[in-house]
PDB file of N, CA and C in Angstrom:
ATOM      1  N   MET A   1      21.094 -69.968  -4.887  1.00  0.00           N
ATOM      2  CA  MET A   1      20.880 -71.405  -4.840  1.00  0.00           C
ATOM      3  C   MET A   1      21.411 -72.016  -6.139  1.00  0.00           C
ATOM      4  N   ILE A   2      22.211 -73.032  -6.010  1.00  0.00           N
ATOM      5  CA  ILE A   2      22.794 -73.718  -7.161  1.00  0.00           C
ATOM      6  C   ILE A   2      21.852 -74.835  -7.603  1.00  0.00           C
ATOM      7  N   GLU A   3      21.575 -74.884  -8.885  1.00  0.00           N
ATOM      8  CA  GLU A   3      20.770 -75.972  -9.437  1.00  0.00           C
ATOM      9  C   GLU A   3      21.683 -77.138  -9.795  1.00  0.00           C
ATOM     10  N   HIS A   4      21.264 -78.342  -9.433  1.00  0.00           N
ATOM     11  CA  HIS A   4      21.997 -79.540  -9.817  1.00  0.00           C
ATOM     12  C   HIS A   4      21.274 -80.296 -10.922  1.00  0.00           C
ATOM     13  N   GLY A   5      20.080 -79.844 -11.254  1.00  0.00           N
ATOM     14  CA  GLY A   5      19.296 -80.459 -12.309  1.00  0.00           C
ATOM     15  C   GLY A   5      18.018 -79.678 -12.501  1.00  0.00           C
ATOM     16  N   ALA A   6      17.260 -80.054 -13.516  1.00  0.00           N
ATOM     17  CA  ALA A   6      16.015 -79.351 -13.800  1.00  0.00           C
ATOM     18  C   ALA A   6      15.013 -80.310 -14.419  1.00  0.00           C
ATOM     19  N   ILE A   7      13.745 -79.976 -14.279  1.00  0.00           N
ATOM     20  CA  ILE A   7      12.669 -80.714 -14.923  1.00  0.00           C
ATOM     21  C   ILE A   7      12.168 -79.845 -16.068  1.00  0.00           C
ATOM     22  N   LEU A   8      12.281 -80.350 -17.294  1.00  0.00           N
ATOM     23  CA  LEU A   8      11.862 -79.607 -18.473  1.00  0.00           C
ATOM     24  C   LEU A   8      10.655 -80.292 -19.109  1.00  0.00           C
ATOM     25  N   LEU A   9       9.636 -79.511 -19.410  1.00  0.00           N
ATOM     26  CA  LEU A   9       8.461 -79.999 -20.121  1.00  0.00           C
ATOM     27  C   LEU A   9       8.221 -79.072 -21.296  1.00  0.00           C
ATOM     28  N   ASP A  10       8.248 -79.616 -22.494  1.00  0.00           N
ATOM     29  CA  ASP A  10       8.067 -78.831 -23.717  1.00  0.00           C
ATOM     30  C   ASP A  10       9.050 -77.675 -23.813  1.00  0.00           C
ATOM     31  N   GLY A  11      10.272 -77.908 -23.347  1.00  0.00           N
ATOM     32  CA  GLY A  11      11.309 -76.890 -23.435  1.00  0.00           C
ATOM     33  C   GLY A  11      11.231 -75.804 -22.384  1.00  0.00           C
ATOM     34  N   ILE A  12      10.309 -75.919 -21.441  1.00  0.00           N
ATOM     35  CA  ILE A  12      10.151 -74.920 -20.387  1.00  0.00           C
ATOM     36  C   ILE A  12      10.513 -75.562 -19.049  1.00  0.00           C
ATOM     37  N   GLN A  13      11.341 -74.875 -18.283  1.00  0.00           N
ATOM     38  CA  GLN A  13      11.748 -75.412 -16.988  1.00  0.00           C
ATOM     39  C   GLN A  13      10.587 -75.316 -16.008  1.00  0.00           C
ATOM     40  N   ARG A  14      10.188 -76.479 -15.471  1.00  0.00           N
ATOM     41  CA  ARG A  14       9.054 -76.548 -14.546  1.00  0.00           C
ATOM     42  C   ARG A  14       9.483 -76.817 -13.110  1.00  0.00           C
ATOM     43  N   GLY A  15      10.718 -77.225 -12.906  1.00  0.00           N
ATOM     44  CA  GLY A  15      11.180 -77.517 -11.557  1.00  0.00           C
ATOM     45  C   GLY A  15      12.690 -77.498 -11.467  1.00  0.00           C
ATOM     46  N   THR A  16      13.187 -77.319 -10.251  1.00  0.00           N
ATOM     47  CA  THR A  16      14.616 -77.286  -9.982  1.00  0.00           C
ATOM     48  C   THR A  16      14.975 -78.445  -9.066  1.00  0.00           C
ATOM     49  N   LEU A  17      16.058 -79.141  -9.381  1.00  0.00           N
ATOM     50  CA  LEU A  17      16.535 -80.247  -8.560  1.00  0.00           C
ATOM     51  C   LEU A  17      17.834 -79.853  -7.873  1.00  0.00           C
ATOM     52  N   GLN A  18      17.988 -80.338  -6.651  1.00  0.00           N
ATOM     53  CA  GLN A  18      19.239 -80.177  -5.935  1.00  0.00           C
ATOM     54  C   GLN A  18      19.701 -81.537  -5.442  1.00  0.00           C
ATOM     55  N   ARG A  19      20.981 -81.646  -5.140  1.00  0.00           N
ATOM     56  CA  ARG A  19      21.573 -82.883  -4.633  1.00  0.00           C
ATOM     57  C   ARG A  19      21.766 -82.741  -3.133  1.00  0.00           C
ATOM     58  N   CYS A  20      21.271 -83.702  -2.382  1.00  0.00           N
ATOM     59  CA  CYS A  20      21.414 -83.686  -0.925  1.00  0.00           C
ATOM     60  C   CYS A  20      22.878 -83.959  -0.562  1.00  0.00           C
ATOM     61  N   PRO A  21      23.490 -83.124   0.274  1.00  0.00           N
ATOM     62  CA  PRO A  21      24.888 -83.338   0.645  1.00  0.00           C
ATOM     63  C   PRO A  21      25.084 -84.521   1.587  1.00  0.00           C
ATOM     64  N   HIS A  22      24.013 -85.018   2.205  1.00  0.00           N
ATOM     65  CA  HIS A  22      24.134 -86.102   3.166  1.00  0.00           C
ATOM     66  C   HIS A  22      23.886 -87.481   2.560  1.00  0.00           C
ATOM     67  N   CYS A  23      22.972 -87.572   1.564  1.00  0.00           N
ATOM     68  CA  CYS A  23      22.683 -88.887   0.973  1.00  0.00           C
ATOM     69  C   CYS A  23      22.990 -88.944  -0.516  1.00  0.00           C
ATOM     70  N   GLY A  24      23.169 -87.801  -1.146  1.00  0.00           N
ATOM     71  CA  GLY A  24      23.475 -87.770  -2.568  1.00  0.00           C
ATOM     72  C   GLY A  24      22.260 -87.870  -3.463  1.00  0.00           C
ATOM     73  N   GLY A  25      21.070 -87.985  -2.877  1.00  0.00           N
ATOM     74  CA  GLY A  25      19.846 -88.093  -3.666  1.00  0.00           C
ATOM     75  C   GLY A  25      19.406 -86.754  -4.227  1.00  0.00           C
ATOM     76  N   GLN A  26      18.657 -86.815  -5.313  1.00  0.00           N
ATOM     77  CA  GLN A  26      18.100 -85.605  -5.915  1.00  0.00           C
ATOM     78  C   GLN A  26      16.738 -85.329  -5.287  1.00  0.00           C
ATOM     79  N   PHE A  27      16.437 -84.045  -5.084  1.00  0.00           N
ATOM     80  CA  PHE A  27      15.123 -83.683  -4.582  1.00  0.00           C
ATOM     81  C   PHE A  27      14.643 -82.420  -5.270  1.00  0.00           C
ATOM     82  N   LEU A  28      13.331 -82.312  -5.366  1.00  0.00           N
ATOM     83  CA  LEU A  28      12.698 -81.187  -6.045  1.00  0.00           C
ATOM     84  C   LEU A  28      12.585 -80.017  -5.088  1.00  0.00           C
ATOM     85  N   VAL A  29      12.985 -78.856  -5.545  1.00  0.00           N
ATOM     86  CA  VAL A  29      12.866 -77.636  -4.762  1.00  0.00           C
ATOM     87  C   VAL A  29      11.715 -76.837  -5.354  1.00  0.00           C
ATOM     88  N   ALA A  30      10.706 -76.593  -4.542  1.00  0.00           N
ATOM     89  CA  ALA A  30       9.549 -75.846  -5.023  1.00  0.00           C
ATOM     90  C   ALA A  30       9.898 -74.371  -5.140  1.00  0.00           C
ATOM     91  N   ALA A  31       9.448 -73.763  -6.224  1.00  0.00           N
ATOM     92  CA  ALA A  31       9.710 -72.343  -6.431  1.00  0.00           C
ATOM     93  C   ALA A  31       8.880 -71.497  -5.477  1.00  0.00           C
ATOM     94  N   SER A  32       7.672 -71.891  -5.244  1.00  0.00           N
ATOM     95  CA  SER A  32       6.805 -71.169  -4.321  1.00  0.00           C
ATOM     96  C   SER A  32       5.727 -72.124  -3.840  1.00  0.00           C
ATOM     97  N   GLY A  33       4.944 -71.688  -2.890  1.00  0.00           N
ATOM     98  CA  GLY A  33       3.872 -72.528  -2.384  1.00  0.00           C
ATOM     99  C   GLY A  33       4.203 -73.091  -1.014  1.00  0.00           C
ATOM    100  N   HIS A  34       3.350 -73.971  -0.575  1.00  0.00           N
ATOM    101  CA  HIS A  34       3.486 -74.540   0.757  1.00  0.00           C
ATOM    102  C   HIS A  34       3.588 -76.053   0.666  1.00  0.00           C
ATOM    103  N   LEU A  35       4.029 -76.650   1.754  1.00  0.00           N
ATOM    104  CA  LEU A  35       4.171 -78.097   1.811  1.00  0.00           C
ATOM    105  C   LEU A  35       2.828 -78.790   1.576  1.00  0.00           C
ATOM    106  N   SER A  36       1.748 -78.229   2.092  1.00  0.00           N
ATOM    107  CA  SER A  36       0.428 -78.849   1.903  1.00  0.00           C
ATOM    108  C   SER A  36       0.047 -78.885   0.419  1.00  0.00           C
ATOM    109  N   ASP A  37       0.390 -77.833  -0.316  1.00  0.00           N
ATOM    110  CA  ASP A  37       0.111 -77.818  -1.760  1.00  0.00           C
ATOM    111  C   ASP A  37       0.947 -78.873  -2.481  1.00  0.00           C
ATOM    112  N   ALA A  38       2.208 -78.994  -2.097  1.00  0.00           N
ATOM    113  CA  ALA A  38       3.085 -79.980  -2.722  1.00  0.00           C
ATOM    114  C   ALA A  38       2.618 -81.400  -2.429  1.00  0.00           C
ATOM    115  N   ARG A  39       2.119 -81.648  -1.217  1.00  0.00           N
ATOM    116  CA  ARG A  39       1.647 -82.991  -0.864  1.00  0.00           C
ATOM    117  C   ARG A  39       0.394 -83.371  -1.641  1.00  0.00           C
ATOM    118  N   LYS A  40      -0.423 -82.407  -2.021  1.00  0.00           N
ATOM    119  CA  LYS A  40      -1.608 -82.699  -2.832  1.00  0.00           C
ATOM    120  C   LYS A  40      -1.195 -83.235  -4.201  1.00  0.00           C
ATOM    121  N   ILE A  41      -0.094 -82.719  -4.716  1.00  0.00           N
ATOM    122  CA  ILE A  41       0.376 -83.117  -6.036  1.00  0.00           C
ATOM    123  C   ILE A  41       1.277 -84.341  -5.967  1.00  0.00           C
ATOM    124  N   MET A  42       2.222 -84.348  -5.028  1.00  0.00           N
ATOM    125  CA  MET A  42       3.269 -85.375  -4.994  1.00  0.00           C
ATOM    126  C   MET A  42       3.056 -86.455  -3.943  1.00  0.00           C
ATOM    127  N   GLY A  43       2.115 -86.278  -3.036  1.00  0.00           N
ATOM    128  CA  GLY A  43       1.900 -87.263  -1.984  1.00  0.00           C
ATOM    129  C   GLY A  43       2.982 -87.175  -0.924  1.00  0.00           C
ATOM    130  N   ASN A  44       3.349 -88.323  -0.343  1.00  0.00           N
ATOM    131  CA  ASN A  44       4.333 -88.343   0.737  1.00  0.00           C
ATOM    132  C   ASN A  44       5.765 -88.122   0.269  1.00  0.00           C
ATOM    133  N   VAL A  45       5.962 -88.055  -1.039  1.00  0.00           N
ATOM    134  CA  VAL A  45       7.304 -87.763  -1.560  1.00  0.00           C
ATOM    135  C   VAL A  45       7.710 -86.349  -1.176  1.00  0.00           C
ATOM    136  N   ALA A  46       6.738 -85.466  -1.089  1.00  0.00           N
ATOM    137  CA  ALA A  46       7.019 -84.085  -0.701  1.00  0.00           C
ATOM    138  C   ALA A  46       7.337 -84.050   0.793  1.00  0.00           C
ATOM    139  N   ALA A  47       8.512 -83.569   1.127  1.00  0.00           N
ATOM    140  CA  ALA A  47       8.948 -83.490   2.516  1.00  0.00           C
ATOM    141  C   ALA A  47       9.522 -82.110   2.777  1.00  0.00           C
ATOM    142  N   PRO A  48       9.443 -81.646   4.013  1.00  0.00           N
ATOM    143  CA  PRO A  48      10.046 -80.350   4.308  1.00  0.00           C
ATOM    144  C   PRO A  48      11.564 -80.440   4.186  1.00  0.00           C
ATOM    145  N   ARG A  49      12.139 -79.468   3.553  1.00  0.00           N
ATOM    146  CA  ARG A  49      13.589 -79.431   3.383  1.00  0.00           C
ATOM    147  C   ARG A  49      14.219 -78.813   4.622  1.00  0.00           C
ATOM    148  N   ILE A  50      15.373 -79.304   4.999  1.00  0.00           N
ATOM    149  CA  ILE A  50      16.038 -78.844   6.207  1.00  0.00           C
ATOM    150  C   ILE A  50      17.393 -78.271   5.845  1.00  0.00           C
ATOM    151  N   PHE A  51      17.690 -77.076   6.333  1.00  0.00           N
ATOM    152  CA  PHE A  51      18.977 -76.450   6.090  1.00  0.00           C
ATOM    153  C   PHE A  51      19.966 -76.941   7.138  1.00  0.00           C
ATOM    154  N   CYS A  52      21.100 -77.455   6.685  1.00  0.00           N
ATOM    155  CA  CYS A  52      22.156 -77.933   7.580  1.00  0.00           C
ATOM    156  C   CYS A  52      23.150 -76.792   7.798  1.00  0.00           C
ATOM    157  N   GLN A  53      23.268 -76.332   9.022  1.00  0.00           N
ATOM    158  CA  GLN A  53      24.185 -75.237   9.323  1.00  0.00           C
ATOM    159  C   GLN A  53      25.633 -75.695   9.341  1.00  0.00           C
ATOM    160  N   LYS A  54      25.865 -77.000   9.501  1.00  0.00           N
ATOM    161  CA  LYS A  54      27.244 -77.504   9.529  1.00  0.00           C
ATOM    162  C   LYS A  54      27.887 -77.465   8.150  1.00  0.00           C
ATOM    163  N   CYS A  55      27.141 -77.873   7.116  1.00  0.00           N
ATOM    164  CA  CYS A  55      27.707 -77.859   5.768  1.00  0.00           C
ATOM    165  C   CYS A  55      27.168 -76.709   4.927  1.00  0.00           C
ATOM    166  N   GLY A  56      26.179 -75.967   5.454  1.00  0.00           N
ATOM    167  CA  GLY A  56      25.660 -74.801   4.772  1.00  0.00           C
ATOM    168  C   GLY A  56      24.838 -75.086   3.529  1.00  0.00           C
ATOM    169  N   ARG A  57      24.170 -76.254   3.503  1.00  0.00           N
ATOM    170  CA  ARG A  57      23.377 -76.621   2.324  1.00  0.00           C
ATOM    171  C   ARG A  57      22.014 -77.146   2.742  1.00  0.00           C
ATOM    172  N   LEU A  58      21.111 -77.173   1.791  1.00  0.00           N
ATOM    173  CA  LEU A  58      19.768 -77.682   1.987  1.00  0.00           C
ATOM    174  C   LEU A  58      19.796 -79.200   1.844  1.00  0.00           C
ATOM    175  N   THR A  59      19.159 -79.921   2.778  1.00  0.00           N
ATOM    176  CA  THR A  59      19.095 -81.385   2.697  1.00  0.00           C
ATOM    177  C   THR A  59      17.718 -81.811   2.215  1.00  0.00           C
ATOM    178  N   CYS A  60      17.587 -83.094   1.869  1.00  0.00           N
ATOM    179  CA  CYS A  60      16.359 -83.600   1.251  1.00  0.00           C
ATOM    180  C   CYS A  60      15.207 -83.786   2.225  1.00  0.00           C
ATOM    181  N   GLY A  61      15.445 -83.814   3.519  1.00  0.00           N
ATOM    182  CA  GLY A  61      14.375 -83.961   4.494  1.00  0.00           C
ATOM    183  C   GLY A  61      14.144 -85.373   4.976  1.00  0.00           C
ATOM    184  N   ARG A  62      14.886 -86.359   4.439  1.00  0.00           N
ATOM    185  CA  ARG A  62      14.750 -87.735   4.923  1.00  0.00           C
ATOM    186  C   ARG A  62      15.244 -87.811   6.362  1.00  0.00           C
ATOM    187  N   PRO A  63      14.693 -88.723   7.181  1.00  0.00           N
ATOM    188  CA  PRO A  63      15.111 -88.798   8.589  1.00  0.00           C
ATOM    189  C   PRO A  63      16.619 -89.017   8.770  1.00  0.00           C
ATOM    190  N   GLN A  64      17.242 -89.829   7.918  1.00  0.00           N
ATOM    191  CA  GLN A  64      18.669 -90.091   8.067  1.00  0.00           C
ATOM    192  C   GLN A  64      19.539 -88.922   7.609  1.00  0.00           C
ATOM    193  N   CYS A  65      18.951 -87.933   6.974  1.00  0.00           N
ATOM    194  CA  CYS A  65      19.696 -86.750   6.520  1.00  0.00           C
ATOM    195  C   CYS A  65      19.484 -85.554   7.436  1.00  0.00           C
ATOM    196  N   ASP A  66      18.797 -85.759   8.538  1.00  0.00           N
ATOM    197  CA  ASP A  66      18.499 -84.680   9.473  1.00  0.00           C
ATOM    198  C   ASP A  66      19.786 -84.186  10.133  1.00  0.00           C
ATOM    199  N   PRO A  67      20.108 -82.901  10.008  1.00  0.00           N
ATOM    200  CA  PRO A  67      21.326 -82.367  10.613  1.00  0.00           C
ATOM    201  C   PRO A  67      21.340 -82.462  12.134  1.00  0.00           C
ATOM    202  N   ALA A  68      20.166 -82.619  12.760  1.00  0.00           N
ATOM    203  CA  ALA A  68      20.132 -82.768  14.211  1.00  0.00           C
ATOM    204  C   ALA A  68      20.796 -84.079  14.634  1.00  0.00           C
ATOM    205  N   LEU A  69      20.738 -85.103  13.768  1.00  0.00           N
ATOM    206  CA  LEU A  69      21.394 -86.376  14.073  1.00  0.00           C
ATOM    207  C   LEU A  69      22.884 -86.308  13.763  1.00  0.00           C
ATOM    208  N   ALA A  70      23.205 -85.911  12.553  1.00  0.00           N
ATOM    209  CA  ALA A  70      24.605 -85.865  12.137  1.00  0.00           C
ATOM    210  C   ALA A  70      24.728 -85.211  10.781  1.00  0.00           C
ATOM    211  N   CYS A  71      25.884 -84.651  10.529  1.00  0.00           N
ATOM    212  CA  CYS A  71      26.215 -84.104   9.216  1.00  0.00           C
ATOM    213  C   CYS A  71      27.352 -84.958   8.667  1.00  0.00           C
ATOM    214  N   ILE A  72      26.986 -85.972   7.884  1.00  0.00           N
ATOM    215  CA  ILE A  72      27.971 -86.881   7.305  1.00  0.00           C
ATOM    216  C   ILE A  72      27.908 -86.733   5.796  1.00  0.00           C
ATOM    217  N   PRO A  73      28.938 -86.182   5.166  1.00  0.00           N
ATOM    218  CA  PRO A  73      28.920 -86.027   3.707  1.00  0.00           C
ATOM    219  C   PRO A  73      28.833 -87.374   2.998  1.00  0.00           C
ATOM    220  N   VAL A  74      28.186 -87.388   1.841  1.00  0.00           N
ATOM    221  CA  VAL A  74      28.006 -88.615   1.082  1.00  0.00           C
ATOM    222  C   VAL A  74      29.358 -89.229   0.698  1.00  0.00           C
ATOM    223  N   GLU A  75      30.360 -88.396   0.439  1.00  0.00           N
ATOM    224  CA  GLU A  75      31.686 -88.903   0.073  1.00  0.00           C
ATOM    225  C   GLU A  75      32.290 -89.717   1.219  1.00  0.00           C
ATOM    226  N   ALA A  76      32.105 -89.252   2.461  1.00  0.00           N
ATOM    227  CA  ALA A  76      32.623 -89.981   3.622  1.00  0.00           C
ATOM    228  C   ALA A  76      31.887 -91.305   3.791  1.00  0.00           C
ATOM    229  N   GLN A  77      30.583 -91.332   3.510  1.00  0.00           N
ATOM    230  CA  GLN A  77      29.826 -92.578   3.614  1.00  0.00           C
ATOM    231  C   GLN A  77      30.297 -93.590   2.573  1.00  0.00           C
ATOM    232  N   LEU A  78      30.583 -93.119   1.358  1.00  0.00           N
ATOM    233  CA  LEU A  78      31.074 -94.017   0.307  1.00  0.00           C
ATOM    234  C   LEU A  78      32.454 -94.572   0.657  1.00  0.00           C
ATOM    235  N   GLU A  79      33.330 -93.723   1.170  1.00  0.00           N
ATOM    236  CA  GLU A  79      34.665 -94.191   1.568  1.00  0.00           C
ATOM    237  C   GLU A  79      34.563 -95.197   2.698  1.00  0.00           C
ATOM    238  N   HIS A  80      33.654 -94.970   3.648  1.00  0.00           N
ATOM    239  CA  HIS A  80      33.466 -95.916   4.754  1.00  0.00           C
ATOM    240  C   HIS A  80      32.965 -97.257   4.213  1.00  0.00           C
ATOM    241  N   ALA A  81      32.039 -97.224   3.246  1.00  0.00           N
ATOM    242  CA  ALA A  81      31.512 -98.451   2.653  1.00  0.00           C
ATOM    243  C   ALA A  81      32.596 -99.213   1.894  1.00  0.00           C
ATOM    244  N   GLU A  82      33.588 -98.491   1.358  1.00  0.00           N
ATOM    245  CA  GLU A  82      34.699 -99.128   0.651  1.00  0.00           C
ATOM    246  C   GLU A  82      35.756 -99.664   1.599  1.00  0.00           C
ATOM    247  N   GLY A  83      35.621 -99.385   2.893  1.00  0.00           N
ATOM    248  CA  GLY A  83      36.577 -99.874   3.877  1.00  0.00           C
ATOM    249  C   GLY A  83      37.695 -98.899   4.188  1.00  0.00           C
ATOM    250  N   LYS A  84      37.611 -97.699   3.675  1.00  0.00           N
ATOM    251  CA  LYS A  84      38.635 -96.690   3.962  1.00  0.00           C
ATOM    252  C   LYS A  84      38.301 -95.989   5.265  1.00  0.00           C
ATOM    253  N   ARG A  85      39.332 -95.520   5.967  1.00  0.00           N
ATOM    254  CA  ARG A  85      39.141 -94.800   7.220  1.00  0.00           C
ATOM    255  C   ARG A  85      38.751 -93.353   6.939  1.00  0.00           C
ATOM    256  N   THR A  86      37.754 -92.870   7.671  1.00  0.00           N
ATOM    257  CA  THR A  86      37.344 -91.469   7.575  1.00  0.00           C
ATOM    258  C   THR A  86      37.214 -90.904   8.984  1.00  0.00           C
ATOM    259  N   THR A  87      37.082 -89.613   9.071  1.00  0.00           N
ATOM    260  CA  THR A  87      36.896 -88.990  10.381  1.00  0.00           C
ATOM    261  C   THR A  87      35.469 -89.189  10.896  1.00  0.00           C
ATOM    262  N   TYR A  88      34.586 -89.707  10.048  1.00  0.00           N
ATOM    263  CA  TYR A  88      33.187 -89.898  10.414  1.00  0.00           C
ATOM    264  C   TYR A  88      32.860 -91.350  10.784  1.00  0.00           C
ATOM    265  N   ASP A  89      33.853 -92.233  10.854  1.00  0.00           N
ATOM    266  CA  ASP A  89      33.598 -93.659  11.082  1.00  0.00           C
ATOM    267  C   ASP A  89      32.788 -93.933  12.345  1.00  0.00           C
ATOM    268  N   ASP A  90      33.165 -93.323  13.458  1.00  0.00           N
ATOM    269  CA  ASP A  90      32.453 -93.572  14.716  1.00  0.00           C
ATOM    270  C   ASP A  90      30.998 -93.109  14.635  1.00  0.00           C
ATOM    271  N   LEU A  91      30.773 -91.983  14.013  1.00  0.00           N
ATOM    272  CA  LEU A  91      29.417 -91.457  13.871  1.00  0.00           C
ATOM    273  C   LEU A  91      28.580 -92.334  12.944  1.00  0.00           C
ATOM    274  N   ILE A  92      29.166 -92.830  11.865  1.00  0.00           N
ATOM    275  CA  ILE A  92      28.454 -93.713  10.934  1.00  0.00           C
ATOM    276  C   ILE A  92      28.050 -95.004  11.631  1.00  0.00           C
ATOM    277  N   VAL A  93      28.957 -95.597  12.375  1.00  0.00           N
ATOM    278  CA  VAL A  93      28.661 -96.836  13.098  1.00  0.00           C
ATOM    279  C   VAL A  93      27.570 -96.596  14.131  1.00  0.00           C
ATOM    280  N   ASP A  94      27.633 -95.461  14.826  1.00  0.00           N
ATOM    281  CA  ASP A  94      26.618 -95.142  15.829  1.00  0.00           C
ATOM    282  C   ASP A  94      25.233 -95.037  15.200  1.00  0.00           C
ATOM    283  N   LEU A  95      25.139 -94.370  14.071  1.00  0.00           N
ATOM    284  CA  LEU A  95      23.841 -94.213  13.419  1.00  0.00           C
ATOM    285  C   LEU A  95      23.303 -95.529  12.870  1.00  0.00           C
ATOM    286  N   LYS A  96      24.194 -96.339  12.308  1.00  0.00           N
ATOM    287  CA  LYS A  96      23.749 -97.616  11.718  1.00  0.00           C
ATOM    288  C   LYS A  96      23.401 -98.635  12.771  1.00  0.00           C
ATOM    289  N   VAL A  97      24.277 -98.826  13.752  1.00  0.00           N
ATOM    290  CA  VAL A  97      24.101 -99.907  14.727  1.00  0.00           C
ATOM    291  C   VAL A  97      23.176 -99.507  15.873  1.00  0.00           C
ATOM    292  N   ASN A  98      23.474 -98.401  16.526  1.00  0.00           N
ATOM    293  CA  ASN A  98      22.721 -98.030  17.723  1.00  0.00           C
ATOM    294  C   ASN A  98      21.350 -97.444  17.427  1.00  0.00           C
ATOM    295  N   ARG A  99      21.241 -96.697  16.342  1.00  0.00           N
ATOM    296  CA  ARG A  99      19.955 -96.056  16.029  1.00  0.00           C
ATOM    297  C   ARG A  99      19.195 -96.747  14.914  1.00  0.00           C
ATOM    298  N   GLY A 100      19.840 -97.685  14.223  1.00  0.00           N
ATOM    299  CA  GLY A 100      19.176 -98.450  13.175  1.00  0.00           C
ATOM    300  C   GLY A 100      18.815 -97.662  11.935  1.00  0.00           C
ATOM    301  N   LEU A 101      19.501 -96.563  11.675  1.00  0.00           N
ATOM    302  CA  LEU A 101      19.210 -95.767  10.485  1.00  0.00           C
ATOM    303  C   LEU A 101      20.045 -96.241   9.312  1.00  0.00           C
ATOM    304  N   PRO A 102      19.417 -96.513   8.180  1.00  0.00           N
ATOM    305  CA  PRO A 102      20.201 -96.867   6.998  1.00  0.00           C
ATOM    306  C   PRO A 102      20.782 -95.603   6.398  1.00  0.00           C
ATOM    307  N   LEU A 103      22.057 -95.619   6.076  1.00  0.00           N
ATOM    308  CA  LEU A 103      22.654 -94.462   5.425  1.00  0.00           C
ATOM    309  C   LEU A 103      22.706 -94.748   3.945  1.00  0.00           C
ATOM    310  N   LEU A 104      23.796 -95.184   3.407  1.00  0.00           N
ATOM    311  CA  LEU A 104      23.865 -95.491   1.972  1.00  0.00           C
ATOM    312  C   LEU A 104      23.540 -96.920   1.705  1.00  0.00           C
TER     313      LEU A 104
END
Protein backbone atom coordinates (compact mmCIF):
# COMPACT_ATOMS: atom_id res chain seq x y z
CA MET A 1 0.00 0.00 0.00
CA ILE A 2 1.39 3.38 -1.01
CA GLU A 3 1.11 6.21 1.50
CA HIS A 4 0.12 9.60 0.13
CA GLY A 5 0.39 11.31 3.50
CA ALA A 6 0.69 10.71 7.21
CA ILE A 7 -0.57 12.03 10.53
CA LEU A 8 2.32 12.77 12.89
CA LEU A 9 1.93 13.51 16.59
CA ASP A 10 5.06 14.28 18.61
CA GLY A 11 7.20 12.87 15.81
CA ILE A 12 5.41 9.51 15.79
CA GLN A 13 3.27 8.42 12.86
CA ARG A 14 -0.28 7.83 14.11
CA GLY A 15 -2.12 7.41 10.82
CA THR A 16 -1.74 6.85 7.10
CA LEU A 17 -3.49 8.90 4.42
CA GLN A 18 -4.29 7.85 0.88
CA ARG A 19 -5.65 9.80 -2.09
CA CYS A 20 -8.91 8.60 -3.61
CA PRO A 21 -8.45 7.94 -7.35
CA HIS A 22 -12.06 8.94 -8.08
CA CYS A 23 -12.43 12.25 -6.18
CA GLY A 24 -8.86 13.17 -5.26
CA GLY A 25 -9.73 13.55 -1.57
CA GLN A 26 -7.52 12.34 1.25
CA PHE A 27 -8.82 9.66 3.59
CA LEU A 28 -7.48 7.97 6.68
CA VAL A 29 -6.59 4.30 6.42
CA ALA A 30 -6.89 2.50 9.72
CA ALA A 31 -3.99 0.23 10.59
CA SER A 32 -6.22 -2.20 12.45
CA GLY A 33 -9.60 -2.37 14.10
CA HIS A 34 -13.14 -2.28 12.87
CA LEU A 35 -15.44 0.32 11.39
CA SER A 36 -17.47 0.45 14.62
CA ASP A 37 -14.33 1.38 16.58
CA ALA A 38 -13.44 4.08 14.05
CA ARG A 39 -16.96 5.54 14.20
CA LYS A 40 -16.71 5.88 17.99
CA ILE A 41 -13.67 8.10 17.51
CA MET A 42 -14.37 9.86 14.20
CA GLY A 43 -18.16 9.79 13.93
CA ASN A 44 -19.73 9.64 10.47
CA VAL A 45 -16.45 10.67 8.84
CA ALA A 46 -15.37 7.05 9.17
CA ALA A 47 -16.67 5.16 6.15
CA PRO A 48 -15.98 1.71 4.78
CA ARG A 49 -13.32 1.83 2.10
CA ILE A 50 -14.12 0.21 -1.22
CA PHE A 51 -11.58 -1.42 -3.52
CA CYS A 52 -12.11 -0.51 -7.19
CA GLN A 53 -11.20 -3.45 -9.42
CA LYS A 54 -11.21 -1.23 -12.53
CA CYS A 55 -8.36 1.02 -11.40
CA GLY A 56 -6.93 -1.35 -8.77
CA ARG A 57 -6.97 1.16 -5.90
CA LEU A 58 -8.78 1.79 -2.64
CA THR A 59 -11.46 4.52 -2.79
CA CYS A 60 -12.65 6.81 0.02
CA GLY A 61 -16.11 5.24 0.38
CA ARG A 62 -18.18 8.30 -0.59
CA PRO A 63 -21.32 7.41 -2.59
CA GLN A 64 -20.08 9.21 -5.72
CA CYS A 65 -16.79 7.26 -5.59
CA ASP A 66 -18.48 3.86 -5.51
CA PRO A 67 -16.98 1.65 -8.26
CA ALA A 68 -20.39 0.04 -8.76
CA LEU A 69 -21.58 3.35 -10.27
CA ALA A 70 -18.50 4.28 -12.27
CA CYS A 71 -14.73 4.44 -12.27
CA ILE A 72 -13.95 7.99 -13.37
CA PRO A 73 -10.41 9.19 -12.59
CA VAL A 74 -10.13 12.61 -10.97
CA GLU A 75 -7.96 13.82 -13.88
CA ALA A 76 -10.78 13.07 -16.36
CA GLN A 77 -13.26 14.95 -14.15
CA LEU A 78 -10.97 18.00 -14.05
CA GLU A 79 -10.49 17.96 -17.83
CA HIS A 80 -14.27 17.68 -18.30
CA ALA A 81 -14.79 20.67 -15.96
CA GLU A 82 -12.27 22.65 -18.06
CA GLY A 83 -14.29 21.89 -21.20
CA LYS A 84 -11.88 19.38 -22.70
CA ARG A 85 -13.16 16.18 -24.31
CA THR A 86 -12.51 12.94 -22.45
CA THR A 87 -13.56 9.35 -22.94
CA TYR A 88 -15.61 9.65 -19.73
CA ASP A 89 -17.84 12.58 -20.83
CA ASP A 90 -21.02 10.54 -21.33
CA LEU A 91 -20.60 8.78 -17.99
CA ILE A 92 -19.93 12.07 -16.16
CA VAL A 93 -23.04 13.68 -17.63
CA ASP A 94 -25.11 10.60 -16.75
CA LEU A 95 -24.00 10.68 -13.13
CA LYS A 96 -24.47 14.44 -12.73
CA VAL A 97 -27.75 14.92 -14.60
CA ASN A 98 -29.64 11.64 -14.40
CA ARG A 99 -28.54 10.46 -10.96
CA GLY A 100 -27.92 13.85 -9.34
CA LEU A 101 -24.53 12.92 -7.91
CA PRO A 102 -22.04 15.73 -7.46
CA LEU A 103 -18.61 14.77 -8.71
CA LEU A 104 -16.01 17.54 -8.45
